[in-house]
N, C-alpha and C. Protein backbone atom coordinates (compact mmCIF):
# COMPACT_ATOMS: atom_id res chain seq x y z
N MET A 1 100.91 120.66 40.76
CA MET A 1 100.67 120.49 42.19
C MET A 1 101.91 119.92 42.88
N ALA A 2 102.54 118.91 42.25
CA ALA A 2 103.74 118.31 42.83
C ALA A 2 104.85 119.34 42.91
N GLU A 3 104.84 120.28 41.94
CA GLU A 3 105.85 121.31 41.93
C GLU A 3 105.71 122.22 43.16
N ALA A 4 104.47 122.55 43.51
CA ALA A 4 104.22 123.40 44.67
C ALA A 4 104.62 122.71 45.95
N ASP A 5 104.39 121.39 46.05
CA ASP A 5 104.76 120.65 47.24
C ASP A 5 106.26 120.59 47.44
N SER A 6 107.00 120.50 46.32
CA SER A 6 108.45 120.36 46.44
C SER A 6 109.13 121.69 46.77
N GLN A 7 108.47 122.81 46.43
CA GLN A 7 109.06 124.11 46.74
C GLN A 7 108.64 124.51 48.15
N GLN A 8 109.59 124.71 48.99
CA GLN A 8 109.31 125.09 50.36
C GLN A 8 109.43 126.61 50.48
N THR A 9 108.44 127.25 51.08
CA THR A 9 108.48 128.69 51.25
C THR A 9 109.61 129.03 52.20
N GLU A 10 110.51 129.88 51.73
CA GLU A 10 111.65 130.27 52.56
C GLU A 10 111.28 131.46 53.41
N GLN A 11 111.99 131.59 54.51
CA GLN A 11 111.78 132.68 55.45
C GLN A 11 112.66 133.85 55.05
N CYS A 12 112.16 135.05 55.24
CA CYS A 12 112.92 136.27 54.95
C CYS A 12 114.26 136.20 55.70
N LYS A 13 115.34 136.64 55.04
CA LYS A 13 116.65 136.55 55.68
C LYS A 13 117.08 137.83 56.37
N ALA A 14 116.17 138.80 56.51
CA ALA A 14 116.48 140.05 57.20
C ALA A 14 116.33 139.89 58.70
N LEU A 15 117.05 140.75 59.43
CA LEU A 15 116.92 140.79 60.88
C LEU A 15 116.00 141.94 61.27
N THR A 16 115.17 141.74 62.27
CA THR A 16 114.29 142.79 62.76
C THR A 16 115.07 143.75 63.65
N THR A 17 114.43 144.83 64.09
CA THR A 17 115.10 145.81 64.95
C THR A 17 115.53 145.19 66.28
N SER A 18 114.85 144.12 66.71
CA SER A 18 115.22 143.45 67.96
C SER A 18 116.33 142.43 67.75
N GLY A 19 116.80 142.29 66.50
CA GLY A 19 117.91 141.38 66.23
C GLY A 19 117.48 139.96 65.94
N GLU A 20 116.17 139.71 65.88
CA GLU A 20 115.67 138.37 65.56
C GLU A 20 115.40 138.28 64.07
N ARG A 21 115.34 137.07 63.56
CA ARG A 21 115.08 136.87 62.15
C ARG A 21 113.62 137.17 61.84
N CYS A 22 113.38 137.86 60.73
CA CYS A 22 112.03 138.18 60.29
C CYS A 22 111.27 136.88 60.01
N SER A 23 110.03 136.81 60.44
CA SER A 23 109.26 135.57 60.31
C SER A 23 108.40 135.52 59.05
N ARG A 24 108.42 136.57 58.24
CA ARG A 24 107.59 136.60 57.04
C ARG A 24 108.18 135.72 55.94
N PRO A 25 107.34 135.24 55.02
CA PRO A 25 107.85 134.45 53.90
C PRO A 25 108.64 135.33 52.93
N ALA A 26 109.69 134.76 52.37
CA ALA A 26 110.55 135.50 51.46
C ALA A 26 110.01 135.48 50.04
N GLN A 27 110.33 136.55 49.30
CA GLN A 27 110.02 136.59 47.87
C GLN A 27 111.23 136.03 47.13
N GLU A 28 111.26 136.18 45.82
CA GLU A 28 112.35 135.61 45.03
C GLU A 28 113.73 136.12 45.43
N ASP A 29 113.81 137.37 45.89
CA ASP A 29 115.11 137.94 46.25
C ASP A 29 115.59 137.52 47.65
N GLY A 30 114.79 136.72 48.37
CA GLY A 30 115.18 136.27 49.69
C GLY A 30 114.68 137.15 50.82
N PHE A 31 113.99 138.24 50.48
CA PHE A 31 113.47 139.16 51.48
C PHE A 31 111.94 139.23 51.38
N CYS A 32 111.29 139.61 52.48
CA CYS A 32 109.83 139.78 52.46
C CYS A 32 109.49 141.12 51.85
N HIS A 33 108.21 141.44 51.81
CA HIS A 33 107.76 142.71 51.22
C HIS A 33 108.25 143.93 51.99
N GLN A 34 108.65 143.76 53.24
CA GLN A 34 109.05 144.89 54.07
C GLN A 34 110.57 145.12 54.08
N HIS A 35 111.36 144.13 53.71
CA HIS A 35 112.81 144.24 53.78
C HIS A 35 113.45 144.16 52.39
N ASP A 36 114.72 144.60 52.30
CA ASP A 36 115.49 144.48 51.06
C ASP A 36 116.97 144.32 51.39
N GLU A 37 117.83 144.41 50.36
CA GLU A 37 119.27 144.17 50.54
C GLU A 37 119.92 145.14 51.52
N SER A 38 119.33 146.30 51.76
CA SER A 38 119.93 147.29 52.65
C SER A 38 119.77 146.90 54.13
N ASP A 39 118.92 145.95 54.44
CA ASP A 39 118.71 145.52 55.82
C ASP A 39 119.79 144.51 56.25
N GLN A 40 120.05 144.47 57.56
CA GLN A 40 120.97 143.46 58.09
C GLN A 40 120.35 142.09 57.84
N THR A 41 121.20 141.11 57.57
CA THR A 41 120.67 139.78 57.27
C THR A 41 121.30 138.71 58.14
N VAL A 42 120.67 137.55 58.12
CA VAL A 42 121.18 136.37 58.82
C VAL A 42 122.29 135.79 57.97
N SER A 43 123.35 135.30 58.59
CA SER A 43 124.45 134.72 57.82
C SER A 43 124.01 133.41 57.18
N GLU A 44 124.69 132.99 56.14
CA GLU A 44 124.36 131.76 55.41
C GLU A 44 124.44 130.54 56.32
N SER A 45 125.41 130.50 57.25
CA SER A 45 125.54 129.34 58.14
C SER A 45 124.34 129.23 59.07
N GLU A 46 123.81 130.38 59.54
CA GLU A 46 122.62 130.36 60.39
C GLU A 46 121.43 129.84 59.61
N THR A 47 121.30 130.25 58.34
CA THR A 47 120.19 129.83 57.51
C THR A 47 120.23 128.31 57.31
N GLU A 48 121.42 127.75 57.03
CA GLU A 48 121.55 126.31 56.83
C GLU A 48 121.23 125.56 58.11
N THR A 49 121.69 126.05 59.26
CA THR A 49 121.43 125.40 60.54
C THR A 49 119.93 125.37 60.82
N GLU A 50 119.24 126.50 60.57
CA GLU A 50 117.80 126.54 60.79
C GLU A 50 117.08 125.57 59.89
N SER A 51 117.49 125.46 58.63
CA SER A 51 116.86 124.52 57.70
C SER A 51 117.04 123.10 58.18
N ASP A 52 118.26 122.76 58.65
CA ASP A 52 118.52 121.41 59.15
C ASP A 52 117.66 121.12 60.37
N GLU A 53 117.53 122.10 61.28
CA GLU A 53 116.72 121.91 62.49
C GLU A 53 115.26 121.72 62.12
N GLN A 54 114.75 122.49 61.14
CA GLN A 54 113.37 122.35 60.72
C GLN A 54 113.13 120.96 60.13
N THR A 55 114.04 120.49 59.30
CA THR A 55 113.89 119.18 58.69
C THR A 55 113.89 118.09 59.75
N GLU A 56 114.80 118.18 60.73
CA GLU A 56 114.86 117.19 61.79
C GLU A 56 113.59 117.19 62.62
N SER A 57 113.06 118.38 62.96
CA SER A 57 111.85 118.43 63.78
C SER A 57 110.65 117.93 63.00
N GLU A 58 110.59 118.19 61.69
CA GLU A 58 109.48 117.69 60.88
C GLU A 58 109.53 116.16 60.82
N GLU A 59 110.72 115.59 60.70
CA GLU A 59 110.86 114.14 60.65
C GLU A 59 110.49 113.52 61.99
N ALA A 60 110.83 114.16 63.09
CA ALA A 60 110.57 113.62 64.42
C ALA A 60 109.08 113.60 64.74
N GLU A 61 108.29 114.48 64.14
CA GLU A 61 106.87 114.59 64.47
C GLU A 61 106.02 113.52 63.80
N THR A 62 106.51 112.90 62.75
CA THR A 62 105.70 111.91 62.04
C THR A 62 105.96 110.51 62.56
N THR A 63 104.90 109.72 62.62
CA THR A 63 105.00 108.33 63.04
C THR A 63 104.28 107.47 62.02
N ASP A 64 104.92 106.43 61.58
CA ASP A 64 104.30 105.51 60.65
C ASP A 64 103.35 104.61 61.43
N PRO A 65 102.06 104.59 61.09
CA PRO A 65 101.09 103.77 61.83
C PRO A 65 101.46 102.29 61.88
N GLU A 66 102.16 101.81 60.86
CA GLU A 66 102.54 100.40 60.84
C GLU A 66 103.63 100.09 61.86
N ASP A 67 104.36 101.13 62.33
CA ASP A 67 105.42 100.93 63.31
C ASP A 67 104.90 100.87 64.75
N VAL A 68 103.63 101.18 64.97
CA VAL A 68 103.07 101.21 66.31
C VAL A 68 102.70 99.79 66.73
N ASP A 69 103.18 99.37 67.90
CA ASP A 69 102.90 98.04 68.41
C ASP A 69 101.56 98.05 69.13
N THR A 70 100.57 97.33 68.59
CA THR A 70 99.23 97.32 69.17
C THR A 70 98.88 95.97 69.79
N GLU A 71 99.83 95.06 69.86
CA GLU A 71 99.54 93.72 70.39
C GLU A 71 99.12 93.75 71.86
N ASP A 72 99.72 94.62 72.66
CA ASP A 72 99.44 94.67 74.08
C ASP A 72 98.29 95.62 74.44
N VAL A 73 97.69 96.25 73.44
CA VAL A 73 96.62 97.19 73.69
C VAL A 73 95.30 96.43 73.83
N ASP A 74 94.59 96.69 74.95
CA ASP A 74 93.32 96.05 75.20
C ASP A 74 92.21 96.95 74.67
N VAL A 75 91.59 96.53 73.58
CA VAL A 75 90.55 97.34 72.95
C VAL A 75 89.20 96.69 73.21
N ASP A 76 88.30 97.46 73.79
CA ASP A 76 86.94 96.99 74.05
C ASP A 76 86.06 97.51 72.92
N ASP A 77 85.85 96.67 71.90
CA ASP A 77 85.09 97.09 70.72
C ASP A 77 83.68 97.54 71.07
N GLU A 78 83.04 96.88 72.03
CA GLU A 78 81.69 97.27 72.43
C GLU A 78 81.67 98.69 72.98
N ARG A 79 82.67 99.02 73.79
CA ARG A 79 82.74 100.34 74.40
C ARG A 79 82.96 101.40 73.32
N ILE A 80 83.83 101.10 72.36
CA ILE A 80 84.08 102.04 71.27
C ILE A 80 82.82 102.23 70.44
N GLU A 81 82.11 101.14 70.14
CA GLU A 81 80.87 101.24 69.39
C GLU A 81 79.85 102.07 70.15
N GLY A 82 79.81 101.94 71.47
CA GLY A 82 78.90 102.73 72.30
C GLY A 82 79.20 104.21 72.20
N VAL A 83 80.48 104.56 72.30
CA VAL A 83 80.89 105.96 72.20
C VAL A 83 80.54 106.51 70.82
N MET A 84 80.79 105.72 69.78
CA MET A 84 80.49 106.17 68.42
C MET A 84 78.98 106.34 68.22
N ALA A 85 78.17 105.46 68.81
CA ALA A 85 76.72 105.58 68.71
C ALA A 85 76.26 106.86 69.40
N VAL A 86 76.82 107.14 70.57
CA VAL A 86 76.47 108.38 71.28
C VAL A 86 76.88 109.58 70.45
N ARG A 87 78.07 109.54 69.87
CA ARG A 87 78.54 110.66 69.04
C ARG A 87 77.60 110.89 67.86
N ARG A 88 77.22 109.83 67.16
CA ARG A 88 76.31 109.98 66.02
C ARG A 88 74.97 110.57 66.46
N THR A 89 74.44 110.09 67.58
CA THR A 89 73.17 110.61 68.08
C THR A 89 73.28 112.09 68.41
N VAL A 90 74.34 112.45 69.11
CA VAL A 90 74.53 113.83 69.52
C VAL A 90 74.72 114.74 68.31
N GLU A 91 75.55 114.33 67.36
CA GLU A 91 75.79 115.14 66.17
C GLU A 91 74.50 115.36 65.37
N SER A 92 73.67 114.33 65.27
CA SER A 92 72.47 114.44 64.45
C SER A 92 71.33 115.18 65.14
N THR A 93 71.34 115.28 66.46
CA THR A 93 70.20 115.89 67.16
C THR A 93 70.50 117.16 67.93
N ALA A 94 71.74 117.46 68.21
CA ALA A 94 72.08 118.58 69.09
C ALA A 94 71.55 119.92 68.58
N GLY A 95 71.77 120.22 67.32
CA GLY A 95 71.32 121.51 66.78
C GLY A 95 69.82 121.68 66.89
N GLU A 96 69.08 120.66 66.50
CA GLU A 96 67.61 120.73 66.57
C GLU A 96 67.13 120.74 68.02
N LEU A 97 67.74 119.92 68.85
CA LEU A 97 67.36 119.82 70.26
C LEU A 97 67.55 121.16 70.98
N ILE A 98 68.69 121.78 70.79
CA ILE A 98 69.03 123.01 71.51
C ILE A 98 68.48 124.24 70.80
N GLY A 99 68.30 124.15 69.50
CA GLY A 99 67.74 125.28 68.76
C GLY A 99 68.77 126.24 68.19
N HIS A 100 70.01 125.80 68.10
CA HIS A 100 71.08 126.61 67.53
C HIS A 100 71.92 125.73 66.61
N THR A 101 72.77 126.36 65.79
CA THR A 101 73.62 125.63 64.85
C THR A 101 74.68 124.81 65.59
N PHE A 102 74.70 123.50 65.31
CA PHE A 102 75.67 122.59 65.93
C PHE A 102 77.07 122.97 65.47
N ASP A 103 78.06 123.00 66.41
CA ASP A 103 79.43 123.35 66.08
C ASP A 103 80.39 122.19 66.30
N GLY A 104 80.17 121.37 67.33
CA GLY A 104 81.07 120.25 67.56
C GLY A 104 80.83 119.56 68.88
N VAL A 105 81.38 118.34 69.00
CA VAL A 105 81.32 117.57 70.24
C VAL A 105 82.67 117.74 70.92
N SER A 106 82.68 118.17 72.17
CA SER A 106 83.96 118.36 72.84
C SER A 106 84.23 117.30 73.89
N GLU A 107 83.21 116.53 74.27
CA GLU A 107 83.44 115.50 75.30
C GLU A 107 82.32 114.47 75.26
N ILE A 108 82.69 113.21 75.45
CA ILE A 108 81.74 112.13 75.65
C ILE A 108 82.30 111.26 76.76
N SER A 109 81.46 110.98 77.77
CA SER A 109 81.93 110.13 78.86
C SER A 109 80.77 109.30 79.39
N ALA A 110 81.11 108.15 79.97
CA ALA A 110 80.10 107.29 80.57
C ALA A 110 79.70 107.87 81.92
N SER A 111 78.43 107.73 82.25
CA SER A 111 77.94 108.17 83.55
C SER A 111 77.26 106.97 84.23
N GLU A 112 76.76 107.17 85.44
CA GLU A 112 76.10 106.08 86.17
C GLU A 112 74.87 105.57 85.43
N ASP A 113 74.13 106.49 84.79
CA ASP A 113 72.88 106.12 84.15
C ASP A 113 72.97 105.99 82.64
N GLY A 114 74.17 106.15 82.07
CA GLY A 114 74.30 106.04 80.63
C GLY A 114 75.49 106.82 80.12
N TRP A 115 75.22 107.94 79.43
CA TRP A 115 76.28 108.72 78.79
C TRP A 115 76.07 110.20 79.04
N ARG A 116 77.16 110.93 78.96
CA ARG A 116 77.15 112.38 79.09
C ARG A 116 77.98 112.93 77.95
N ALA A 117 77.42 113.86 77.18
CA ALA A 117 78.15 114.49 76.08
C ALA A 117 78.12 115.99 76.26
N VAL A 118 79.22 116.64 75.93
CA VAL A 118 79.29 118.09 75.95
C VAL A 118 79.45 118.53 74.49
N VAL A 119 78.52 119.37 74.05
CA VAL A 119 78.54 119.86 72.67
C VAL A 119 78.63 121.37 72.67
N GLU A 120 79.04 121.91 71.54
CA GLU A 120 79.12 123.35 71.37
C GLU A 120 78.21 123.74 70.21
N VAL A 121 77.43 124.79 70.42
CA VAL A 121 76.54 125.31 69.38
C VAL A 121 76.79 126.80 69.23
N VAL A 122 76.52 127.32 68.04
CA VAL A 122 76.68 128.74 67.79
C VAL A 122 75.38 129.43 68.19
N GLU A 123 75.41 130.16 69.29
CA GLU A 123 74.22 130.84 69.78
C GLU A 123 73.99 132.18 69.07
N ARG A 124 75.09 132.82 68.62
CA ARG A 124 74.96 134.08 67.89
C ARG A 124 76.13 134.20 66.94
N LYS A 125 75.83 134.32 65.63
CA LYS A 125 76.86 134.51 64.62
C LYS A 125 77.33 135.96 64.65
N ALA A 126 78.60 136.19 64.35
CA ALA A 126 79.15 137.53 64.32
C ALA A 126 80.22 137.63 63.24
N VAL A 127 80.57 138.84 62.89
CA VAL A 127 81.66 139.09 61.95
C VAL A 127 82.67 139.94 62.69
N PRO A 128 83.90 139.51 62.83
CA PRO A 128 84.46 138.24 62.38
C PRO A 128 83.96 137.08 63.23
N ASP A 129 84.15 135.86 62.71
CA ASP A 129 83.61 134.68 63.41
C ASP A 129 84.27 134.44 64.76
N THR A 130 85.40 135.08 65.04
CA THR A 130 86.01 134.93 66.36
C THR A 130 85.15 135.57 67.44
N GLN A 131 84.16 136.36 67.03
CA GLN A 131 83.25 136.98 67.98
C GLN A 131 81.92 136.23 68.10
N ASP A 132 81.79 135.07 67.40
CA ASP A 132 80.60 134.22 67.57
C ASP A 132 80.44 133.88 69.04
N VAL A 133 79.20 133.83 69.51
CA VAL A 133 78.94 133.40 70.87
C VAL A 133 78.64 131.91 70.81
N ILE A 134 79.45 131.13 71.51
CA ILE A 134 79.33 129.67 71.51
C ILE A 134 78.75 129.24 72.86
N GLY A 135 77.77 128.37 72.81
CA GLY A 135 77.21 127.79 74.03
C GLY A 135 77.69 126.36 74.18
N ARG A 136 78.12 126.01 75.38
CA ARG A 136 78.51 124.62 75.68
C ARG A 136 77.36 123.99 76.44
N TYR A 137 76.88 122.87 75.94
CA TYR A 137 75.73 122.20 76.53
C TYR A 137 76.09 120.77 76.91
N GLU A 138 75.55 120.33 78.03
CA GLU A 138 75.70 118.95 78.48
C GLU A 138 74.41 118.22 78.09
N ILE A 139 74.57 117.12 77.37
CA ILE A 139 73.43 116.31 76.97
C ILE A 139 73.54 114.97 77.69
N GLU A 140 72.48 114.58 78.37
CA GLU A 140 72.45 113.29 79.07
C GLU A 140 71.73 112.27 78.20
N LEU A 141 72.32 111.08 78.09
CA LEU A 141 71.73 110.00 77.30
C LEU A 141 71.69 108.74 78.15
N ASP A 142 70.75 107.85 77.86
CA ASP A 142 70.70 106.58 78.59
C ASP A 142 71.67 105.60 77.95
N GLU A 143 71.66 104.34 78.42
CA GLU A 143 72.61 103.33 77.92
C GLU A 143 72.46 103.07 76.43
N ASP A 144 71.23 103.31 75.89
CA ASP A 144 70.96 103.06 74.47
C ASP A 144 71.15 104.31 73.62
N ALA A 145 71.78 105.34 74.17
CA ALA A 145 72.05 106.60 73.48
C ALA A 145 70.78 107.36 73.14
N VAL A 146 69.75 107.24 73.97
CA VAL A 146 68.53 108.01 73.80
C VAL A 146 68.64 109.25 74.70
N VAL A 147 68.40 110.42 74.14
CA VAL A 147 68.54 111.67 74.87
C VAL A 147 67.53 111.73 76.02
N GLN A 148 68.03 112.05 77.21
CA GLN A 148 67.19 112.19 78.39
C GLN A 148 66.99 113.65 78.78
N GLY A 149 67.95 114.51 78.44
CA GLY A 149 67.85 115.92 78.76
C GLY A 149 69.13 116.66 78.42
N TYR A 150 69.08 117.98 78.56
CA TYR A 150 70.26 118.80 78.30
C TYR A 150 70.20 120.06 79.14
N ARG A 151 71.38 120.71 79.29
CA ARG A 151 71.45 121.98 79.99
C ARG A 151 72.68 122.74 79.51
N ARG A 152 72.57 124.08 79.51
CA ARG A 152 73.73 124.88 79.12
C ARG A 152 74.66 124.98 80.32
N ILE A 153 75.95 124.75 80.07
CA ILE A 153 76.93 124.82 81.15
C ILE A 153 77.88 126.01 81.03
N ASP A 154 77.91 126.64 79.84
CA ASP A 154 78.84 127.75 79.66
C ASP A 154 78.53 128.48 78.36
N ARG A 155 78.97 129.73 78.28
CA ARG A 155 78.92 130.53 77.06
C ARG A 155 80.24 131.27 76.94
N TYR A 156 80.72 131.44 75.71
CA TYR A 156 81.96 132.17 75.51
C TYR A 156 82.05 132.65 74.07
N ARG A 157 82.93 133.60 73.82
CA ARG A 157 83.18 134.03 72.45
C ARG A 157 84.21 133.07 71.85
N ARG A 158 84.03 132.74 70.59
CA ARG A 158 84.91 131.78 69.92
C ARG A 158 86.38 132.17 70.06
N GLY A 159 86.71 133.43 70.06
CA GLY A 159 88.10 133.89 70.14
C GLY A 159 88.66 133.93 71.55
N ASP A 160 87.85 133.67 72.59
CA ASP A 160 88.35 133.72 73.96
C ASP A 160 89.39 132.62 74.18
N THR A 161 90.39 132.95 75.00
CA THR A 161 91.45 131.97 75.28
C THR A 161 91.41 131.50 76.71
N ALA A 162 90.34 131.80 77.44
CA ALA A 162 90.23 131.38 78.84
C ALA A 162 90.15 129.85 78.93
N VAL A 163 90.69 129.31 79.98
CA VAL A 163 90.70 127.86 80.19
C VAL A 163 89.40 127.46 80.88
N PHE A 164 88.79 126.35 80.41
CA PHE A 164 87.57 125.85 81.03
C PHE A 164 87.90 125.04 82.27
N GLU A 165 87.01 125.12 83.25
CA GLU A 165 87.21 124.34 84.47
C GLU A 165 86.56 123.00 84.34
């Protein structure tokens, strides 16, 4: 397993017809299944530069949790516990309440009378799963996280890329 982690999949070194580097993973010879030595290739200096850039960007994306300064952060433990209680209630009851398979919680917010949660359920399974019909439901809860009611606010196919309002 450690051996697999240390080996990084290299990118094919061939150039596409548009002059860009092929994005497929390379085999042992440095080319993907579609290219070979007869294809134009990226120069060695370009390959090294790309590797250096990838390494730098990977390093920049990680943050050590111990390096984060949390002294000035005001955390309201009661509020967090309330949100977690609402989440647990919604996760455990949404599927049964709505009558469809629970898929996830997409929003929890405080309201004047308690809490409001938006959940997603699978209203119709399909193959491929990107064609599943997902229903977004708003569930209203009181201050004690007891469900008061729900309503469907939207339906969409799992693969849709439209932005929600």
